[in-house]
Amino acid sequence: MIKRPFDLLNNLVGKKVEIGMKAGKIVRGKLLAFDIHMNLVVENPEIVEENSSKSATHIFIRGDSLIYVHPLQE
């Protein structure tokens, strides 16, 4: 049962998510960890912005740049 925003994030750890960011970027990958500031660590992220795409092994996303975190079907 989800009662707080952190409950949702807790349920998403280890699962694929889509993260919308203020700069217009979208990141898709496996959520590894988060903290009380909603900073996120994502494994094997695909970073999409306009017509380009980048990838990496891990990425750290500051919580103040988030718009949404959405679970993806695996």
Protein backbone atom coordinates (compact mmCIF):
# COMPACT_ATOMS: atom_id res chain seq x y z
CA MET A 1 0.00 0.00 0.00
CA ILE A 2 1.28 3.43 -0.93
CA LYS A 3 0.74 6.15 1.68
CA ARG A 4 3.76 8.38 1.01
CA PRO A 5 5.80 9.31 -2.08
CA PHE A 6 8.75 7.33 -0.73
CA ASP A 7 6.57 4.20 -0.60
CA LEU A 8 6.21 4.41 -4.37
CA LEU A 9 9.96 4.87 -4.85
CA ASN A 10 10.64 1.98 -2.47
CA ASN A 11 8.40 -0.26 -4.61
CA LEU A 12 10.28 0.80 -7.75
CA VAL A 13 13.81 -0.02 -6.54
CA GLY A 14 15.23 -2.73 -8.79
CA LYS A 15 12.64 -2.09 -11.52
CA LYS A 16 12.69 -0.22 -14.82
CA VAL A 17 11.45 3.37 -14.63
CA GLU A 18 11.05 6.43 -16.81
CA ILE A 19 12.14 9.71 -15.26
CA GLY A 20 11.06 13.07 -16.64
CA MET A 21 13.37 15.97 -15.93
CA LYS A 22 12.91 19.76 -15.91
CA ALA A 23 15.42 20.24 -18.74
CA GLY A 24 13.16 18.24 -21.07
CA LYS A 25 15.25 15.09 -20.87
CA ILE A 26 13.80 11.65 -20.26
CA VAL A 27 15.83 8.91 -18.58
CA ARG A 28 14.88 5.23 -18.75
CA GLY A 29 16.67 2.57 -16.73
CA LYS A 30 16.66 0.47 -13.55
CA LEU A 31 16.23 2.44 -10.32
CA LEU A 32 18.97 1.34 -7.91
CA ALA A 33 18.62 3.76 -5.01
CA PHE A 34 17.17 7.04 -3.73
CA ASP A 35 17.56 9.25 -0.67
CA ILE A 36 15.44 11.68 1.37
CA HIS A 37 16.09 14.44 -1.20
CA MET A 38 14.73 12.17 -3.96
CA ASN A 39 18.18 11.99 -5.55
CA LEU A 40 18.18 8.87 -7.72
CA VAL A 41 20.78 6.37 -8.94
CA VAL A 42 19.83 4.66 -12.20
CA GLU A 43 21.59 1.66 -13.77
CA ASN A 44 22.01 1.33 -17.57
CA PRO A 45 20.21 4.60 -18.28
CA GLU A 46 19.10 5.68 -21.71
CA ILE A 47 19.07 9.48 -21.76
CA VAL A 48 16.75 10.92 -24.40
CA GLU A 49 16.68 14.59 -25.36
CA GLU A 50 15.02 15.93 -28.50
CA ASN A 51 16.36 13.78 -31.38
CA SER A 52 19.36 12.20 -29.65
CA SER A 53 19.94 9.38 -27.22
CA LYS A 54 22.88 8.57 -24.93
CA SER A 55 23.65 5.69 -22.63
CA ALA A 56 25.92 4.99 -19.66
CA THR A 57 26.42 2.35 -16.96
CA HIS A 58 25.10 4.46 -14.05
CA ILE A 59 23.76 7.96 -13.56
CA PHE A 60 23.03 10.14 -10.52
CA ILE A 61 20.01 12.43 -10.85
CA ARG A 62 19.46 15.30 -8.41
CA GLY A 63 16.02 15.28 -6.85
CA ASP A 64 15.42 18.97 -7.60
CA SER A 65 15.56 18.28 -11.36
CA LEU A 66 12.77 15.66 -11.35
CA ILE A 67 9.28 16.13 -12.73
CA TYR A 68 8.04 12.54 -12.53
CA VAL A 69 9.08 8.91 -12.00
CA HIS A 70 6.96 6.36 -13.85
CA PRO A 71 7.23 2.54 -13.72
CA LEU A 72 7.80 0.77 -17.04
CA GLN A 73 6.63 -2.66 -18.12
CA GLU A 74 9.46 -5.19 -18.06
